[in-house]
Amino acid sequence: MNALEIESNLDRPDDFYESLIDTHRDLTLEQSQLVNCKLILLLANHVGDLDVLRDAMRRARAGIAASDRIQEPERP
């Protein structure tokens, strides 16, 4: 089993962040959420190790209570 890399591992973190922001620019909230879902699935496929992915999901959710979830906008 591979371990999840949690130390900084990006060659150019500022460039990555700028690219991520650009990816979401001019999108609606719904479109941005869809891009995030697609990006997660693409990267999960690249990682390919279910144990590593489960560890990442656990860490990402740590400290976030269910009541803190983003509320869906009300529909007319």
C-alpha atoms as a PDB file:
ATOM      1  CA  MET A   1       0.000   0.000   0.000  1.00  0.00           C
ATOM      2  CA  ASN A   2       1.223   3.483  -0.854  1.00  0.00           C
ATOM      3  CA  ALA A   3       0.917   6.259   1.699  1.00  0.00           C
ATOM      4  CA  LEU A   4      -0.905   9.512   1.062  1.00  0.00           C
ATOM      5  CA  GLU A   5       1.603  12.297   0.447  1.00  0.00           C
ATOM      6  CA  ILE A   6       0.577  15.115   2.806  1.00  0.00           C
ATOM      7  CA  GLU A   7       3.736  17.239   2.670  1.00  0.00           C
ATOM      8  CA  SER A   8       4.013  19.936   0.021  1.00  0.00           C
ATOM      9  CA  ASN A   9       4.753  18.112  -3.240  1.00  0.00           C
ATOM     10  CA  LEU A  10       4.024  20.693  -5.935  1.00  0.00           C
ATOM     11  CA  ASP A  11       6.872  22.099  -8.004  1.00  0.00           C
ATOM     12  CA  ARG A  12       5.086  25.418  -8.416  1.00  0.00           C
ATOM     13  CA  PRO A  13       2.209  25.678  -5.907  1.00  0.00           C
ATOM     14  CA  ASP A  14       1.354  29.276  -6.816  1.00  0.00           C
ATOM     15  CA  ASP A  15       1.027  28.349 -10.498  1.00  0.00           C
ATOM     16  CA  PHE A  16      -1.173  25.398  -9.566  1.00  0.00           C
ATOM     17  CA  TYR A  17      -3.428  27.612  -7.436  1.00  0.00           C
ATOM     18  CA  GLU A  18      -3.705  30.169 -10.237  1.00  0.00           C
ATOM     19  CA  SER A  19      -4.615  27.422 -12.724  1.00  0.00           C
ATOM     20  CA  LEU A  20      -7.243  26.058 -10.335  1.00  0.00           C
ATOM     21  CA  ILE A  21      -8.797  29.494  -9.913  1.00  0.00           C
ATOM     22  CA  ASP A  22      -8.732  30.026 -13.700  1.00  0.00           C
ATOM     23  CA  THR A  23     -10.487  26.678 -14.173  1.00  0.00           C
ATOM     24  CA  HIS A  24     -13.446  27.967 -12.138  1.00  0.00           C
ATOM     25  CA  ARG A  25     -13.502  31.516 -13.484  1.00  0.00           C
ATOM     26  CA  ASP A  26     -16.854  32.650 -14.940  1.00  0.00           C
ATOM     27  CA  LEU A  27     -18.651  29.433 -13.933  1.00  0.00           C
ATOM     28  CA  THR A  28     -21.882  29.256 -11.995  1.00  0.00           C
ATOM     29  CA  LEU A  29     -21.816  27.539  -8.604  1.00  0.00           C
ATOM     30  CA  GLU A  30     -23.380  24.449 -10.186  1.00  0.00           C
ATOM     31  CA  GLN A  31     -20.831  24.390 -13.028  1.00  0.00           C
ATOM     32  CA  SER A  32     -17.973  24.877 -10.566  1.00  0.00           C
ATOM     33  CA  GLN A  33     -19.206  21.965  -8.436  1.00  0.00           C
ATOM     34  CA  LEU A  34     -19.416  19.788 -11.562  1.00  0.00           C
ATOM     35  CA  VAL A  35     -15.843  20.715 -12.518  1.00  0.00           C
ATOM     36  CA  ASN A  36     -14.715  19.790  -8.993  1.00  0.00           C
ATOM     37  CA  CYS A  37     -16.455  16.410  -9.222  1.00  0.00           C
ATOM     38  CA  LYS A  38     -14.907  15.666 -12.597  1.00  0.00           C
ATOM     39  CA  LEU A  39     -11.471  16.755 -11.388  1.00  0.00           C
ATOM     40  CA  ILE A  40     -11.745  14.528  -8.304  1.00  0.00           C
ATOM     41  CA  LEU A  41     -12.687  11.514 -10.420  1.00  0.00           C
ATOM     42  CA  LEU A  42      -9.860  12.141 -12.906  1.00  0.00           C
ATOM     43  CA  LEU A  43      -7.274  12.483 -10.134  1.00  0.00           C
ATOM     44  CA  ALA A  44      -8.678   9.493  -8.225  1.00  0.00           C
ATOM     45  CA  ASN A  45      -8.293   7.389 -11.345  1.00  0.00           C
ATOM     46  CA  HIS A  46      -4.711   8.623 -11.686  1.00  0.00           C
ATOM     47  CA  VAL A  47      -3.914   7.738  -8.047  1.00  0.00           C
ATOM     48  CA  GLY A  48      -5.633   4.387  -8.443  1.00  0.00           C
ATOM     49  CA  ASP A  49      -5.049   3.187  -4.856  1.00  0.00           C
ATOM     50  CA  LEU A  50      -8.301   2.843  -2.915  1.00  0.00           C
ATOM     51  CA  ASP A  51      -6.571   2.906   0.488  1.00  0.00           C
ATOM     52  CA  VAL A  52      -4.813   6.162  -0.376  1.00  0.00           C
ATOM     53  CA  LEU A  53      -8.050   7.649  -1.685  1.00  0.00           C
ATOM     54  CA  ARG A  54      -9.960   6.634   1.452  1.00  0.00           C
ATOM     55  CA  ASP A  55      -7.248   8.200   3.601  1.00  0.00           C
ATOM     56  CA  ALA A  56      -7.489  11.416   1.566  1.00  0.00           C
ATOM     57  CA  MET A  57     -11.288  11.491   1.910  1.00  0.00           C
ATOM     58  CA  ARG A  58     -11.054  10.895   5.654  1.00  0.00           C
ATOM     59  CA  ARG A  59      -8.511  13.690   6.061  1.00  0.00           C
ATOM     60  CA  ALA A  60     -10.509  16.068   3.864  1.00  0.00           C
ATOM     61  CA  ARG A  61     -13.635  15.535   5.953  1.00  0.00           C
ATOM     62  CA  ALA A  62     -11.892  15.635   9.352  1.00  0.00           C
ATOM     63  CA  GLY A  63     -13.168  18.443  11.539  1.00  0.00           C
ATOM     64  CA  ILE A  64     -16.136  19.237   9.322  1.00  0.00           C
ATOM     65  CA  ALA A  65     -19.414  18.616  11.092  1.00  0.00           C
ATOM     66  CA  ALA A  66     -22.454  17.482   9.142  1.00  0.00           C
ATOM     67  CA  SER A  67     -24.221  20.735  10.048  1.00  0.00           C
ATOM     68  CA  ASP A  68     -21.443  22.690   8.288  1.00  0.00           C
ATOM     69  CA  ARG A  69     -22.351  21.278   4.884  1.00  0.00           C
ATOM     70  CA  ILE A  70     -22.999  23.715   2.060  1.00  0.00           C
ATOM     71  CA  GLN A  71     -26.706  24.267   1.762  1.00  0.00           C
ATOM     72  CA  GLU A  72     -28.310  23.766  -1.615  1.00  0.00           C
ATOM     73  CA  PRO A  73     -29.830  26.990  -2.964  1.00  0.00           C
ATOM     74  CA  GLU A  74     -33.598  27.126  -2.760  1.00  0.00           C
ATOM     75  CA  ARG A  75     -35.343  26.451  -6.015  1.00  0.00           C
ATOM     76  CA  PRO A  76     -38.202  28.690  -7.148  1.00  0.00           C
END
